[in-house]
Every structure is written in structure tokens, then in C-alpha cells.
C-alpha atoms as a PDB file:
ATOM      1  CA  SER A   1     104.906  66.229 131.140  1.00  0.00           C
ATOM      2  CA  TYR A   2     106.402  69.640 131.704  1.00  0.00           C
ATOM      3  CA  ARG A   3     108.292  71.498 128.999  1.00  0.00           C
ATOM      4  CA  ARG A   4     110.017  74.813 129.491  1.00  0.00           C
ATOM      5  CA  ILE A   5     109.633  77.392 126.700  1.00  0.00           C
ATOM      6  CA  MET A   6     111.959  80.367 126.483  1.00  0.00           C
ATOM      7  CA  ILE A   7     110.359  83.525 125.132  1.00  0.00           C
ATOM      8  CA  THR A   8     112.470  86.665 125.024  1.00  0.00           C
ATOM      9  CA  ILE A   9     112.082  90.180 123.746  1.00  0.00           C
ATOM     10  CA  ASP A  10     114.958  91.458 121.669  1.00  0.00           C
ATOM     11  CA  GLY A  11     115.990  94.715 123.318  1.00  0.00           C
ATOM     12  CA  GLY A  12     117.222  96.236 120.059  1.00  0.00           C
ATOM     13  CA  THR A  13     114.181  95.513 117.901  1.00  0.00           C
ATOM     14  CA  GLY A  14     111.377  94.838 120.407  1.00  0.00           C
ATOM     15  CA  LYS A  15     110.524  91.609 118.588  1.00  0.00           C
ATOM     16  CA  ILE A  16     109.186  88.632 120.524  1.00  0.00           C
ATOM     17  CA  MET A  17     111.531  85.667 120.043  1.00  0.00           C
ATOM     18  CA  HIS A  18     111.234  81.941 120.788  1.00  0.00           C
ATOM     19  CA  ASN A  19     114.523  80.026 120.605  1.00  0.00           C
ATOM     20  CA  GLY A  20     115.869  82.678 118.242  1.00  0.00           C
ATOM     21  CA  VAL A  21     112.790  82.627 115.953  1.00  0.00           C
ATOM     22  CA  ASN A  22     110.891  85.875 115.418  1.00  0.00           C
ATOM     23  CA  LEU A  23     107.282  85.468 116.629  1.00  0.00           C
ATOM     24  CA  SER A  24     106.151  88.997 115.852  1.00  0.00           C
ATOM     25  CA  PRO A  25     105.803  90.410 112.336  1.00  0.00           C
ATOM     26  CA  SER A  26     107.785  93.430 111.241  1.00  0.00           C
ATOM     27  CA  PRO A  27     105.433  96.347 111.869  1.00  0.00           C
ATOM     28  CA  MET A  28     104.466  98.632 109.027  1.00  0.00           C
ATOM     29  CA  ILE A  29     101.947 101.483 108.742  1.00  0.00           C
ATOM     30  CA  ASP A  30     101.799 103.824 105.775  1.00  0.00           C
ATOM     31  CA  SER A  31      99.293 106.619 105.023  1.00  0.00           C
ATOM     32  CA  TRP A  32      98.518 108.353 101.717  1.00  0.00           C
ATOM     33  CA  ARG A  33      96.049 110.965 100.470  1.00  0.00           C
ATOM     34  CA  LEU A  34      94.637 112.087  97.136  1.00  0.00           C
ATOM     35  CA  THR A  35      96.154 115.553  96.707  1.00  0.00           C
ATOM     36  CA  SER A  36      93.585 117.118  94.357  1.00  0.00           C
ATOM     37  CA  ASP A  37      90.026 116.603  93.173  1.00  0.00           C
ATOM     38  CA  THR A  38      89.506 114.250  90.267  1.00  0.00           C
ATOM     39  CA  THR A  39      88.476 116.022  87.102  1.00  0.00           C
ATOM     40  CA  ASN A  40      84.684 116.076  86.796  1.00  0.00           C
ATOM     41  CA  GLY A  41      83.618 112.879  85.083  1.00  0.00           C
ATOM     42  CA  ASP A  42      87.123 111.407  85.349  1.00  0.00           C
ATOM     43  CA  ASN A  43      86.976 107.634  84.886  1.00  0.00           C
ATOM     44  CA  GLY A  44      90.279 105.821  85.304  1.00  0.00           C
ATOM     45  CA  THR A  45      93.269 105.118  87.518  1.00  0.00           C
ATOM     46  CA  GLN A  46      93.935 107.911  90.000  1.00  0.00           C
ATOM     47  CA  THR A  47      97.557 109.086  90.162  1.00  0.00           C
ATOM     48  CA  SER A  48      97.555 112.199  92.392  1.00  0.00           C
ATOM     49  CA  TRP A  49      98.687 110.531  95.626  1.00  0.00           C
ATOM     50  CA  ALA A  50     101.196 111.719  98.231  1.00  0.00           C
ATOM     51  CA  ALA A  51     102.293 110.481 101.623  1.00  0.00           C
ATOM     52  CA  ALA A  52      99.973 111.905 104.296  1.00  0.00           C
ATOM     53  CA  THR A  53     102.608 113.494 106.479  1.00  0.00           C
ATOM     54  CA  ASN A  54     100.250 114.881 109.127  1.00  0.00           C
ATOM     55  CA  MET A  55      98.388 111.637 109.928  1.00  0.00           C
ATOM     56  CA  ASN A  56      99.042 109.780 113.172  1.00  0.00           C
ATOM     57  CA  ALA A  57     101.602 107.045 112.541  1.00  0.00           C
ATOM     58  CA  THR A  58     102.117 108.271 108.970  1.00  0.00           C
ATOM     59  CA  SER A  59     104.895 105.812 108.428  1.00  0.00           C
ATOM     60  CA  LEU A  60     106.191 103.031 110.598  1.00  0.00           C
ATOM     61  CA  GLY A  61     108.671 100.636 109.079  1.00  0.00           C
ATOM     62  CA  THR A  62     109.396 100.608 105.369  1.00  0.00           C
ATOM     63  CA  ALA A  63     106.899 102.597 103.288  1.00  0.00           C
ATOM     64  CA  LEU A  64     105.017 101.495 100.182  1.00  0.00           C
ATOM     65  CA  SER A  65     106.545 102.154  96.773  1.00  0.00           C
ATOM     66  CA  TYR A  66     104.471 104.293  94.424  1.00  0.00           C
ATOM     67  CA  ASP A  67     104.660 104.730  90.651  1.00  0.00           C
ATOM     68  CA  SER A  68     102.904 108.034  89.907  1.00  0.00           C
ATOM     69  CA  SER A  69     102.773 107.380  86.162  1.00  0.00           C
ATOM     70  CA  SER A  70     100.727 104.173  86.557  1.00  0.00           C
ATOM     71  CA  GLY A  71      99.091 104.821  89.944  1.00  0.00           C
ATOM     72  CA  LEU A  72     100.407 101.461  91.230  1.00  0.00           C
ATOM     73  CA  PHE A  73     101.410 100.844  94.835  1.00  0.00           C
ATOM     74  CA  SER A  74     103.852  98.058  95.772  1.00  0.00           C
ATOM     75  CA  PHE A  75     104.584  96.489  99.153  1.00  0.00           C
ATOM     76  CA  PRO A  76     107.975  96.603 100.891  1.00  0.00           C
ATOM     77  CA  SER A  77     107.839  92.945 102.009  1.00  0.00           C
ATOM     78  CA  THR A  78     105.627  89.895 101.943  1.00  0.00           C
ATOM     79  CA  GLY A  79     102.939  89.548 104.604  1.00  0.00           C
ATOM     80  CA  ASN A  80      99.262  90.060 105.297  1.00  0.00           C
ATOM     81  CA  TYR A  81      98.237  93.711 104.963  1.00  0.00           C
ATOM     82  CA  LEU A  82      95.059  95.569 105.874  1.00  0.00           C
ATOM     83  CA  ILE A  83      94.176  98.385 103.460  1.00  0.00           C
ATOM     84  CA  ILE A  84      91.602 100.860 104.789  1.00  0.00           C
ATOM     85  CA  PHE A  85      90.494 103.642 102.475  1.00  0.00           C
ATOM     86  CA  SER A  86      88.033 106.474 102.626  1.00  0.00           C
ATOM     87  CA  ALA A  87      86.715 108.538  99.720  1.00  0.00           C
ATOM     88  CA  ARG A  88      84.791 111.805  99.757  1.00  0.00           C
ATOM     89  CA  PHE A  89      82.358 112.155  96.870  1.00  0.00           C
ATOM     90  CA  TYR A  90      81.034 115.441  95.485  1.00  0.00           C
ATOM     91  CA  LEU A  91      78.096 115.421  93.045  1.00  0.00           C
ATOM     92  CA  ASP A  92      77.606 118.949  91.764  1.00  0.00           C
ATOM     93  CA  SER A  93      74.535 118.438  89.584  1.00  0.00           C
ATOM     94  CA  GLY A  94      73.103 115.416  91.401  1.00  0.00           C
ATOM     95  CA  ASN A  95      72.539 113.502  88.180  1.00  0.00           C
ATOM     96  CA  ASP A  96      74.722 110.571  89.179  1.00  0.00           C
ATOM     97  CA  GLY A  97      73.072 107.377  90.387  1.00  0.00           C
ATOM     98  CA  ALA A  98      76.363 105.602  91.189  1.00  0.00           C
ATOM     99  CA  ALA A  99      79.757 107.342  91.266  1.00  0.00           C
ATOM    100  CA  ASN A 100      82.387 104.709  92.112  1.00  0.00           C
ATOM    101  CA  ILE A 101      85.968 104.343  93.249  1.00  0.00           C
ATOM    102  CA  ASP A 102      87.484 100.858  93.431  1.00  0.00           C
ATOM    103  CA  LEU A 103      90.469  99.501  95.280  1.00  0.00           C
ATOM    104  CA  GLN A 104      91.796  97.170  92.582  1.00  0.00           C
ATOM    105  CA  VAL A 105      94.385  94.518  93.433  1.00  0.00           C
ATOM    106  CA  THR A 106      96.499  92.041  91.494  1.00  0.00           C
ATOM    107  CA  ASN A 107      98.362  88.915  92.586  1.00  0.00           C
ATOM    108  CA  ASP A 108     100.030  88.309  89.214  1.00  0.00           C
ATOM    109  CA  GLY A 109     100.972  91.895  88.267  1.00  0.00           C
ATOM    110  CA  THR A 110      98.617  91.915  85.284  1.00  0.00           C
ATOM    111  CA  ASN A 111      95.033  90.923  86.063  1.00  0.00           C
ATOM    112  CA  PHE A 112      93.252  93.256  88.495  1.00  0.00           C
ATOM    113  CA  PHE A 113      90.089  92.557  90.457  1.00  0.00           C
ATOM    114  CA  VAL A 114      87.953  94.723  92.739  1.00  0.00           C
ATOM    115  CA  GLY A 115      89.047  94.271  96.336  1.00  0.00           C
ATOM    116  CA  SER A 116      86.551  96.852  97.579  1.00  0.00           C
ATOM    117  CA  MET A 117      84.211  99.332  95.864  1.00  0.00           C
ATOM    118  CA  LEU A 118      82.868 102.586  97.292  1.00  0.00           C
ATOM    119  CA  THR A 119      79.710 104.029  95.707  1.00  0.00           C
ATOM    120  CA  TYR A 120      77.624 107.153  96.141  1.00  0.00           C
ATOM    121  CA  GLY A 121      74.668 108.366  94.112  1.00  0.00           C
ATOM    122  CA  ALA A 122      72.214 111.256  94.329  1.00  0.00           C
ATOM    123  CA  HIS A 123      69.552 112.925  92.240  1.00  0.00           C
ATOM    124  CA  GLU A 124      69.731 116.401  93.737  1.00  0.00           C
ATOM    125  CA  GLY A 125      72.561 118.875  93.252  1.00  0.00           C
ATOM    126  CA  ASN A 126      75.467 119.904  95.472  1.00  0.00           C
ATOM    127  CA  THR A 127      75.665 116.725  97.577  1.00  0.00           C
ATOM    128  CA  ARG A 128      78.634 115.210  99.391  1.00  0.00           C
ATOM    129  CA  SER A 129      79.206 111.895 101.087  1.00  0.00           C
ATOM    130  CA  THR A 130      82.084 109.864 102.482  1.00  0.00           C
ATOM    131  CA  ALA A 131      82.432 106.098 102.268  1.00  0.00           C
ATOM    132  CA  THR A 132      85.022 103.746 103.764  1.00  0.00           C
ATOM    133  CA  GLY A 133      86.145 100.307 102.626  1.00  0.00           C
ATOM    134  CA  HIS A 134      88.814  97.773 103.489  1.00  0.00           C
ATOM    135  CA  PHE A 135      90.622  94.760 102.073  1.00  0.00           C
ATOM    136  CA  ILE A 136      93.050  92.218 103.545  1.00  0.00           C
ATOM    137  CA  PHE A 137      95.778  91.394 101.039  1.00  0.00           C
ATOM    138  CA  ASP A 138      98.009  88.304 101.382  1.00  0.00           C
ATOM    139  CA  VAL A 139     101.159  89.537  99.661  1.00  0.00           C
ATOM    140  CA  ASP A 140     103.246  86.495  98.794  1.00  0.00           C
ATOM    141  CA  ASP A 141     105.336  88.156  96.043  1.00  0.00           C
ATOM    142  CA  THR A 142     106.194  91.864  96.189  1.00  0.00           C
ATOM    143  CA  SER A 143     106.979  91.991  92.466  1.00  0.00           C
ATOM    144  CA  THR A 144     103.436  90.938  91.429  1.00  0.00           C
ATOM    145  CA  CYS A 145     101.127  91.908  94.329  1.00  0.00           C
ATOM    146  CA  LYS A 146     100.094  95.532  93.756  1.00  0.00           C
ATOM    147  CA  PHE A 147      97.082  97.811  94.072  1.00  0.00           C
ATOM    148  CA  LYS A 148      95.582 100.983  92.606  1.00  0.00           C
ATOM    149  CA  PHE A 149      92.439 103.137  92.859  1.00  0.00           C
ATOM    150  CA  VAL A 150      90.140 103.451  89.848  1.00  0.00           C
ATOM    151  CA  THR A 151      87.067 105.678  89.388  1.00  0.00           C
ATOM    152  CA  HIS A 152      84.216 104.681  87.080  1.00  0.00           C
ATOM    153  CA  SER A 153      80.609 105.560  86.277  1.00  0.00           C
ATOM    154  CA  MET A 154      81.400 109.164  87.215  1.00  0.00           C
ATOM    155  CA  ALA A 155      78.927 111.656  85.691  1.00  0.00           C
ATOM    156  CA  SER A 156      80.302 114.823  84.120  1.00  0.00           C
ATOM    157  CA  ALA A 157      79.710 116.902  87.284  1.00  0.00           C
ATOM    158  CA  SER A 158      80.897 114.299  89.819  1.00  0.00           C
ATOM    159  CA  ASP A 159      84.296 113.953  91.423  1.00  0.00           C
ATOM    160  CA  ILE A 160      86.275 112.462  94.273  1.00  0.00           C
ATOM    161  CA  THR A 161      87.694 115.230  96.441  1.00  0.00           C
ATOM    162  CA  GLY A 162      91.332 115.474  97.382  1.00  0.00           C
ATOM    163  CA  HIS A 163      93.499 118.012  99.166  1.00  0.00           C
ATOM    164  CA  SER A 164      97.231 118.504  99.634  1.00  0.00           C
ATOM    165  CA  THR A 165      97.038 118.840 103.463  1.00  0.00           C
ATOM    166  CA  GLU A 166      93.627 117.388 104.464  1.00  0.00           C
ATOM    167  CA  ASN A 167      92.567 113.761 104.504  1.00  0.00           C
ATOM    168  CA  GLN A 168      89.476 113.941 102.311  1.00  0.00           C
ATOM    169  CA  THR A 169      90.224 110.855 100.210  1.00  0.00           C
ATOM    170  CA  TYR A 170      92.963 108.780 101.799  1.00  0.00           C
ATOM    171  CA  PHE A 171      94.122 105.302 102.796  1.00  0.00           C
ATOM    172  CA  GLN A 172      96.286 103.518 105.332  1.00  0.00           C
ATOM    173  CA  VAL A 173      98.086 100.218 104.976  1.00  0.00           C
ATOM    174  CA  VAL A 174      98.940  98.177 108.071  1.00  0.00           C
ATOM    175  CA  ARG A 175     101.049  95.014 108.022  1.00  0.00           C
ATOM    176  CA  LEU A 176      99.212  92.508 110.211  1.00  0.00           C
ATOM    177  CA  ALA A 177     101.317  89.346 110.041  1.00  0.00           C
ATOM    178  CA  ASP A 178     103.784  87.310 108.079  1.00  0.00           C
ATOM    179  CA  THR A 179     102.398  85.456 105.074  1.00  0.00           C
END
């Protein structure tokens, strides 16, 4: 049998519609960077983040919410999000076998788990390296689904580098689909 399906594109929003139902997710891209180096040996939640205003597609759609006192990021709407982050490590003395930064996520607003961990270690001085990780987050409740970045196992002469205008340690969040 033959069945006719009407698919239209809403001229005002650009969304693909089928019989009045939205078939395309609301697009969202947001970019952030660490604005200063972590303090040597700093182990804990990182809170020096700012919107990366010079990145391509810095913000499309509604941006993330950020609480600078807790380092927590919140999503503007439910959906499936891709978080891609890159960290630049600097080990001044080289006596650090595993400097780490974690992307930690929570679904209940309280209990965090490691979504992705970046690690770098070296035994010679004045070394640098960059690592990149990603995580797909199914955000079904914007009041409880959050994320943060936490450093640990950082030796006293190790840090994660940041900059106010360069993307040394940074991340992007892209909304992929409805949840």
C-alpha cells in the first residue's frame, strides 16, 4: 500500500516537521575555557571557567548555566549532549607519574562519577602534553544532571594550563538529540 507522508521545514525556525511534530532537536553548542593555570599541586574542583568567545560557534542556542562558586555546569534543556574537553598539562619538575583531570557527572545532583579522565605523567622536568576526552550525557532532568572538572594526583610542581584568550584547557558541549 502507498502512504503519503508530509515533511515540511518551518521557515521561521528551520526545524524539520512531520504533521506538526518537530523531528529535529533544538540545536545547542557552547564553548568554555579555563582562564588561568591551576595552582601547582591543586587537587579539587576547578572554578576558573569563562565562555570562550573567540571559538567557532561559541554559542548556538541557549548556553549552559555555570555556578563559579561550586564549579558546576547545568544544561538549558533535556536531551543527549556530547561533551568534548581538552586539557593541557604542565609538569615543571617531572616528578609526577599521573596528573589527572576528570570530567565528573551526576544524574541525581549529589553523587558524581567519572565520565572521562585525562592523565599525563613524566619523570623529566619541564614537560607539556595535551589530552582530549569525551562523554555523551543523557540529560533527563536539568535540575539534577550536572557536570564539573576535578584535578587529582597533581604533584606540587604540576598544573593544568589555562588562559583568558587562548584555548589551552577548554570544552565544548553539543546537543545531539532529544532524550
